[in-house]
Protein backbone atom coordinates (compact mmCIF):
# COMPACT_ATOMS: atom_id res chain seq x y z
CA UNK A 1 106.90 35.06 114.32
CA UNK A 2 107.25 36.62 111.13
CA UNK A 3 103.34 37.35 111.20
CA UNK A 4 103.49 38.63 114.68
CA UNK A 5 106.31 41.29 113.57
CA UNK A 6 104.23 42.51 110.84
CA UNK A 7 100.97 42.66 112.91
CA UNK A 8 102.82 43.98 115.69
CA UNK A 9 104.62 46.72 113.13
CA UNK A 10 101.16 47.43 111.67
CA UNK A 11 99.67 48.26 115.40
CA UNK A 12 101.92 50.07 116.39
CA UNK A 13 103.04 52.60 113.01
CA UNK A 14 99.17 53.01 112.63
CA UNK A 15 98.35 53.91 116.75
CA UNK A 16 98.48 58.09 117.04
CA UNK A 17 102.04 59.66 117.55
CA UNK A 18 102.99 61.89 120.58
CA UNK A 19 99.25 62.67 121.17
CA UNK A 20 100.51 65.56 123.49
CA UNK A 21 103.84 64.72 123.55
CA UNK A 22 106.94 66.26 121.09
CA UNK A 23 105.95 66.53 117.89
CA UNK A 24 109.74 65.79 117.04
CA UNK A 25 109.45 62.43 118.02
CA UNK A 26 107.70 60.08 115.62
CA UNK A 27 106.53 56.82 118.21
CA UNK A 28 108.31 53.90 116.91
CA UNK A 29 108.78 55.32 112.93
CA UNK A 30 112.35 55.93 113.63
CA UNK A 31 113.26 52.69 114.81
CA UNK A 32 111.59 51.00 111.82
CA UNK A 33 113.09 53.30 109.21
CA UNK A 34 116.26 53.02 110.89
CA UNK A 35 115.67 48.85 110.85
CA UNK A 36 114.88 48.81 107.29
CA UNK A 37 117.94 50.96 106.75
CA UNK A 38 120.45 49.06 108.45
CA UNK A 39 119.33 45.17 107.42
CA UNK A 40 118.98 46.42 103.86
CA UNK A 41 122.44 47.94 103.83
CA UNK A 42 124.00 44.98 105.72
CA UNK A 43 122.28 42.42 102.90
CA UNK A 44 123.41 44.27 99.97
CA UNK A 45 126.91 45.40 101.47
CA UNK A 46 127.66 41.38 102.01
CA UNK A 47 126.48 40.37 98.46
CA UNK A 48 127.88 43.00 96.32
CA UNK A 49 131.21 41.88 97.77
CA UNK A 50 131.03 39.19 95.40
CA UNK A 51 130.60 41.58 92.16
CA UNK A 52 133.83 41.98 90.28
CA UNK A 53 135.73 45.13 91.20
CA UNK A 54 134.51 45.14 95.00
CA UNK A 55 137.17 45.73 97.64
CA UNK A 56 138.31 42.49 99.60
CA UNK A 57 141.47 43.81 101.38
CA UNK A 58 139.44 43.45 104.74
CA UNK A 59 136.79 41.31 103.82
CA UNK A 60 136.25 39.78 107.64
CA UNK A 61 135.58 42.92 108.52
CA UNK A 62 133.39 43.93 105.70
CA UNK A 63 131.98 40.89 106.38
CA UNK A 64 131.37 41.25 110.23
CA UNK A 65 130.23 44.70 110.06
CA UNK A 66 127.14 43.74 107.18
CA UNK A 67 125.96 40.92 109.90
CA UNK A 68 126.17 43.05 112.76
CA UNK A 69 124.05 45.95 110.49
CA UNK A 70 121.65 43.13 109.89
CA UNK A 71 121.24 42.09 113.65
CA UNK A 72 120.81 45.81 114.70
CA UNK A 73 118.42 46.42 112.01
CA UNK A 74 116.29 43.35 113.21
CA UNK A 75 116.25 44.39 116.65
CA UNK A 76 114.75 47.45 115.78
CA UNK A 77 112.43 46.86 113.77
CA UNK A 78 111.18 44.18 116.32
CA UNK A 79 111.71 47.24 119.17
CA UNK A 80 109.34 49.09 116.63
CA UNK A 81 106.92 46.32 116.07
CA UNK A 82 106.63 45.95 119.70
CA UNK A 83 106.05 49.81 120.33
CA UNK A 84 109.06 50.11 122.22
CA UNK A 85 110.87 52.80 120.25
CA UNK A 86 113.46 55.25 121.95
CA UNK A 87 112.90 58.32 123.50
CA UNK A 88 114.96 61.33 121.43
CA UNK A 89 117.27 62.20 123.25
CA UNK A 90 118.32 58.52 123.09
CA UNK A 91 117.71 57.83 119.65
CA UNK A 92 120.55 60.90 119.35
CA UNK A 93 122.75 59.45 121.63
CA UNK A 94 122.88 55.78 119.92
CA UNK A 95 122.60 57.44 116.07
CA UNK A 96 125.80 59.41 117.46
CA UNK A 97 127.68 55.95 119.02
CA UNK A 98 127.24 54.59 115.41
CA UNK A 99 129.23 57.05 113.47
CA UNK A 100 132.63 55.35 114.23
CA UNK A 101 130.79 51.66 112.39
CA UNK A 102 130.39 54.14 109.71
CA UNK A 103 134.12 55.25 109.62
CA UNK A 104 134.84 51.48 109.87
CA UNK A 105 132.62 50.61 107.23
CA UNK A 106 134.44 52.39 105.09
CA UNK A 107 137.30 51.43 105.98
CA UNK A 108 136.60 47.78 105.37
CA UNK A 109 134.88 48.13 101.82
CA UNK A 110 137.34 50.40 100.23
CA UNK A 111 138.37 53.59 101.94
CA UNK A 112 138.24 56.34 99.46
CA UNK A 113 137.00 53.92 96.96
CA UNK A 114 134.33 52.31 99.34
CA UNK A 115 131.31 51.50 97.67
CA UNK A 116 128.83 52.00 100.68
CA UNK A 117 129.03 55.46 99.96
CA UNK A 118 126.24 56.24 97.46
CA UNK A 119 124.02 54.47 100.38
CA UNK A 120 125.10 56.84 102.90
CA UNK A 121 122.40 59.19 101.34
CA UNK A 122 120.22 57.01 103.81
CA UNK A 123 121.69 58.51 107.30
CA UNK A 124 122.07 62.24 105.84
CA UNK A 125 117.83 61.68 105.37
CA UNK A 126 117.22 59.75 108.55
CA UNK A 127 118.85 62.31 110.63
CA UNK A 128 117.27 65.52 109.02
CA UNK A 129 114.08 64.13 109.36
CA UNK A 130 113.86 62.14 112.66
CA UNK A 131 115.85 65.36 114.71
CA UNK A 132 114.90 68.50 115.52
CA UNK A 133 117.39 70.61 114.25
CA UNK A 134 119.17 71.20 117.53
CA UNK A 135 120.11 67.40 117.06
CA UNK A 136 120.37 66.82 113.56
CA UNK A 137 122.90 69.52 112.87
CA UNK A 138 125.88 68.29 115.36
CA UNK A 139 124.99 64.35 114.17
CA UNK A 140 125.07 66.20 110.53
CA UNK A 141 128.40 67.20 111.29
CA UNK A 142 129.49 63.81 112.97
CA UNK A 143 128.39 61.73 109.53
CA UNK A 144 130.58 64.31 107.60
CA UNK A 145 133.48 63.86 109.87
CA UNK A 146 132.83 60.23 109.61
CA UNK A 147 133.14 60.54 105.63
CA UNK A 148 136.62 62.31 105.83
CA UNK A 149 138.29 60.00 107.46
CA UNK A 150 139.44 57.95 104.16
CA UNK A 151 141.90 61.20 104.16
CA UNK A 152 143.54 59.82 107.55
CA UNK A 153 144.64 56.63 106.22
CA UNK A 154 144.18 56.46 102.64
CA UNK A 155 145.53 59.79 101.73
CA UNK A 156 147.60 59.18 98.56
CA UNK A 157 144.85 57.33 97.27
CA UNK A 158 141.98 59.78 98.28
CA UNK A 159 143.89 62.20 96.28
CA UNK A 160 144.05 60.34 93.20
CA UNK A 161 140.28 60.07 93.20
CA UNK A 162 139.59 63.86 94.21
CA UNK A 163 138.18 62.69 98.14
CA UNK A 164 139.15 66.26 99.06
CA UNK A 165 136.98 67.97 96.28
CA UNK A 166 134.55 65.18 96.76
CA UNK A 167 134.14 65.72 100.56
CA UNK A 168 133.31 69.32 100.39
CA UNK A 169 130.63 68.14 97.84
CA UNK A 170 129.64 65.70 100.06
CA UNK A 171 128.95 68.18 103.01
CA UNK A 172 127.04 70.34 100.76
CA UNK A 173 124.75 67.61 99.83
CA UNK A 174 124.51 66.78 103.17
CA UNK A 175 123.48 70.49 104.31
CA UNK A 176 121.28 71.16 101.82
CA UNK A 177 119.40 67.86 102.23
CA UNK A 178 119.51 69.05 106.21
CA UNK A 179 118.01 72.67 105.38
CA UNK A 180 115.28 70.98 103.28
CA UNK A 181 114.12 68.01 105.04
CA UNK A 182 114.18 70.10 108.10
CA UNK A 183 111.95 73.10 106.43
CA UNK A 184 109.27 70.54 105.32
CA UNK A 185 109.42 68.49 108.67
CA UNK A 186 109.12 71.83 110.76
CA UNK A 187 106.22 72.73 108.76
CA UNK A 188 104.54 69.39 109.43
CA UNK A 189 105.25 70.10 113.06
CA UNK A 190 104.04 73.67 113.21
CA UNK A 191 100.93 72.58 111.31
CA UNK A 192 100.55 69.40 113.83
CA UNK A 193 100.86 71.69 116.71
CA UNK A 194 98.13 74.38 115.69
CA UNK A 195 95.70 71.02 114.61
CA UNK A 196 96.60 70.04 118.32
CA UNK A 197 95.99 73.55 119.44
CA UNK A 198 92.53 73.79 118.03
CA UNK A 199 91.46 70.19 118.83
CA UNK A 200 91.57 71.52 122.52
CA UNK A 201 89.89 75.03 122.64
CA UNK A 202 86.56 75.74 122.60
CA UNK A 203 85.86 77.60 119.57
CA UNK A 204 82.63 79.37 121.10
CA UNK A 205 85.01 80.66 124.54
CA UNK A 206 88.61 80.22 123.07
CA UNK A 207 89.36 78.30 126.30
CA UNK A 208 89.81 74.66 126.64
CA UNK A 209 87.91 72.21 125.91
CA UNK A 210 86.84 68.68 127.07
CA UNK A 211 90.05 67.51 125.82
CA UNK A 212 92.17 70.06 126.61
CA UNK A 213 90.57 69.66 129.94
CA UNK A 214 91.59 66.12 130.62
CA UNK A 215 94.99 66.62 129.14
CA UNK A 216 95.73 69.46 131.45
CA UNK A 217 94.47 67.60 134.65
CA UNK A 218 97.08 64.23 133.29
CA UNK A 219 99.50 67.06 133.19
CA UNK A 220 98.96 68.46 136.62
CA UNK A 221 98.91 64.95 138.15
CA UNK A 222 101.77 63.63 136.73
CA UNK A 223 104.08 66.35 138.36
CA UNK A 224 103.08 64.84 141.87
CA UNK A 225 102.76 67.55 143.55
CA UNK A 226 99.22 69.11 145.29
CA UNK A 227 96.71 70.32 142.67
CA UNK A 228 92.78 71.76 142.86
CA UNK A 229 89.81 71.72 140.40
CA UNK A 230 87.16 74.82 140.70
CA UNK A 231 83.34 73.82 139.35
CA UNK A 232 81.71 77.03 137.66
CA UNK A 233 78.69 75.48 137.14
CA UNK A 234 76.09 78.44 135.79
CA UNK A 235 72.50 79.19 136.96
CA UNK A 236 69.16 78.95 135.16
CA UNK A 237 71.51 79.26 131.59
CA UNK A 238 68.55 77.47 129.85
CA UNK A 239 66.27 79.91 130.83
CA UNK A 240 68.89 82.75 129.14
CA UNK A 241 68.80 80.49 125.85
CA UNK A 242 64.78 79.82 125.96
CA UNK A 243 63.74 83.70 126.36
CA UNK A 244 66.46 85.78 124.91
CA UNK A 245 67.48 83.40 122.17
CA UNK A 246 70.99 81.86 121.94
CA UNK A 247 73.03 84.78 120.32
CA UNK A 248 72.69 86.03 124.06
CA UNK A 249 73.13 82.65 125.60
CA UNK A 250 76.82 82.26 123.77
CA UNK A 251 77.43 86.09 124.52
CA UNK A 252 77.02 85.30 128.59
CA UNK A 253 78.84 82.24 127.81
CA UNK A 254 81.68 84.19 126.07
CA UNK A 255 81.60 87.21 129.17
CA UNK A 256 81.94 84.06 132.03
CA UNK A 257 85.50 82.86 130.06
CA UNK A 258 86.73 86.06 130.27
CA UNK A 259 85.62 86.77 133.46
CA UNK A 260 87.14 83.46 134.52
CA UNK A 261 90.57 84.09 132.70
CA UNK A 262 91.09 87.52 134.20
CA UNK A 263 91.35 85.34 137.51
CA UNK A 264 93.37 82.59 136.33
CA UNK A 265 97.00 82.40 137.13
CA UNK A 266 98.95 82.01 134.05
CA UNK A 267 99.71 78.28 134.84
CA UNK A 268 95.62 77.52 135.29
CA UNK A 269 93.97 75.93 133.12
CA UNK A 270 90.17 77.18 131.94
CA UNK A 271 88.11 75.06 130.25
CA UNK A 272 84.57 74.77 129.13
CA UNK A 273 83.85 71.24 129.90
CA UNK A 274 80.04 71.58 129.30
CA UNK A 275 76.99 73.42 127.97
CA UNK A 276 77.46 76.14 130.47
CA UNK A 277 79.88 74.89 133.30
CA UNK A 278 83.47 75.52 133.49
CA UNK A 279 86.53 73.97 135.10
CA UNK A 280 89.15 75.61 136.61
CA UNK A 281 92.06 73.80 136.99
CA UNK A 282 94.56 75.42 139.39
CA UNK A 283 98.56 73.66 139.62
CA UNK A 284 100.21 73.75 142.92
CA UNK A 285 97.55 75.55 144.43
CA UNK A 286 96.65 75.09 148.01
CA UNK A 287 93.53 75.73 150.14
CA UNK A 288 94.53 79.18 150.63
CA UNK A 289 95.66 79.70 146.76
CA UNK A 290 91.64 77.97 146.48
CA UNK A 291 89.53 80.03 148.44
CA UNK A 292 91.18 83.41 146.21
CA UNK A 293 90.26 81.88 143.52
CA UNK A 294 87.11 81.36 144.65
CA UNK A 295 86.71 84.18 145.87
CA UNK A 296 87.62 86.34 142.35
CA UNK A 297 85.64 84.36 140.47
CA UNK A 298 82.75 84.96 142.45
CA UNK A 299 83.70 88.74 141.74
CA UNK A 300 84.28 88.56 138.39
CA UNK A 301 82.03 86.42 136.86
CA UNK A 302 78.02 88.31 136.93
CA UNK A 303 75.85 85.78 135.90
CA UNK A 304 74.36 84.04 138.93
CA UNK A 305 76.67 80.62 138.87
CA UNK A 306 77.67 77.87 141.62
CA UNK A 307 81.48 77.52 142.82
CA UNK A 308 82.34 73.95 144.26
CA UNK A 309 86.68 73.32 144.88
CA UNK A 310 88.40 69.86 145.46
CA UNK A 311 92.00 69.32 146.15
CA UNK A 312 94.68 67.25 146.07
CA UNK A 313 95.30 65.42 148.04
CA UNK A 314 93.43 66.45 150.75
CA UNK A 315 90.32 65.44 148.99
CA UNK A 316 91.08 63.02 146.25
CA UNK A 317 94.19 61.30 144.65
CA UNK A 318 93.70 60.71 141.55
CA UNK A 319 92.09 62.59 138.91
CA UNK A 320 89.00 60.72 138.93
CA UNK A 321 88.28 61.48 142.39
CA UNK A 322 89.15 64.44 142.44
CA UNK A 323 86.49 65.53 139.39
CA UNK A 324 84.04 63.15 141.54
CA UNK A 325 84.38 65.29 144.59
CA UNK A 326 83.91 68.79 143.27
CA UNK A 327 81.05 67.20 141.27
CA UNK A 328 79.74 65.84 144.34
CA UNK A 329 79.81 69.03 146.08
CA UNK A 330 78.54 71.21 142.86
CA UNK A 331 75.22 68.87 143.38
CA UNK A 332 74.94 69.07 146.94
CA UNK A 333 75.40 73.25 146.91
CA UNK A 334 72.67 73.25 143.64
CA UNK A 335 69.97 71.38 145.89
CA UNK A 336 70.39 73.40 148.51
CA UNK A 337 70.26 76.46 146.37
CA UNK A 338 66.88 74.96 145.25
CA UNK A 339 65.49 74.29 148.89
CA UNK A 340 66.25 77.21 149.95
CA UNK A 341 64.65 79.16 147.08
CA UNK A 342 61.68 76.50 147.69
CA UNK A 343 61.58 77.75 151.41
């Protein structure tokens, strides 16, 4: 069982995260991190109860909360090992729901003099790193409020130990931690978004590449709405490269990309999916819309080209079927053109 969990964790945490999703969502890593935090806090929290000077006035509660922390931590680790991490919104809701437990743990371990106060930095770092600003700051406010709760039931001792001043400095430390970690995480997110964008673009033409095309096709299919695919295959493009050189061929490709992009709608995806082949994905386009796009493309693209189109659900039910249908039609038109030229 132990080795199964370890192997599962290794596989789950090493796989690519959010390939085309929210870059703030770190997959199973937050569940694994949270699991370690809860487990370690529970084990050490129960262990230090045996040390001299530890608050034992509510030892039954403290032990119960410690056992719960260990149990919840192990559940989180197993979830991470199986790749069943929580969605970002659900994780924020669960984190918010644990704040009363944080307050209860402070009460059970001494209130204003609780020994778990230093370890609360774990929670501050967790929230600051794994949540975007719109979620992190409200969670931090709840967290500081949980830290302030000894003032409500342990007022005399709280004042004796200067807890109000400690609360202010704790709030300052949490805010500073949030700002610093959010800044660093923001840079990572922006770098990933830039890398993702560059990985989906054709460097010569500036339109999407094959990877970007595949992702756009998946997104169109995921909506459940009709969508269309138009293929554009340049005629005798090899002759341009052979007779005029590759710079001339590159110029042709760039001009075709600019012309096709001028026709495409904002929601469409134009991609270069082969050496001399382009594709246009048109979400929510019906037959009339495709005919308009074909007409405009033929008028805009100056280099000789062959066009073919297919629609979902009229011609296909899946992205693969759609591509195959459009490709078959393109090849058929190519054959017809060659026969006509021979005759």
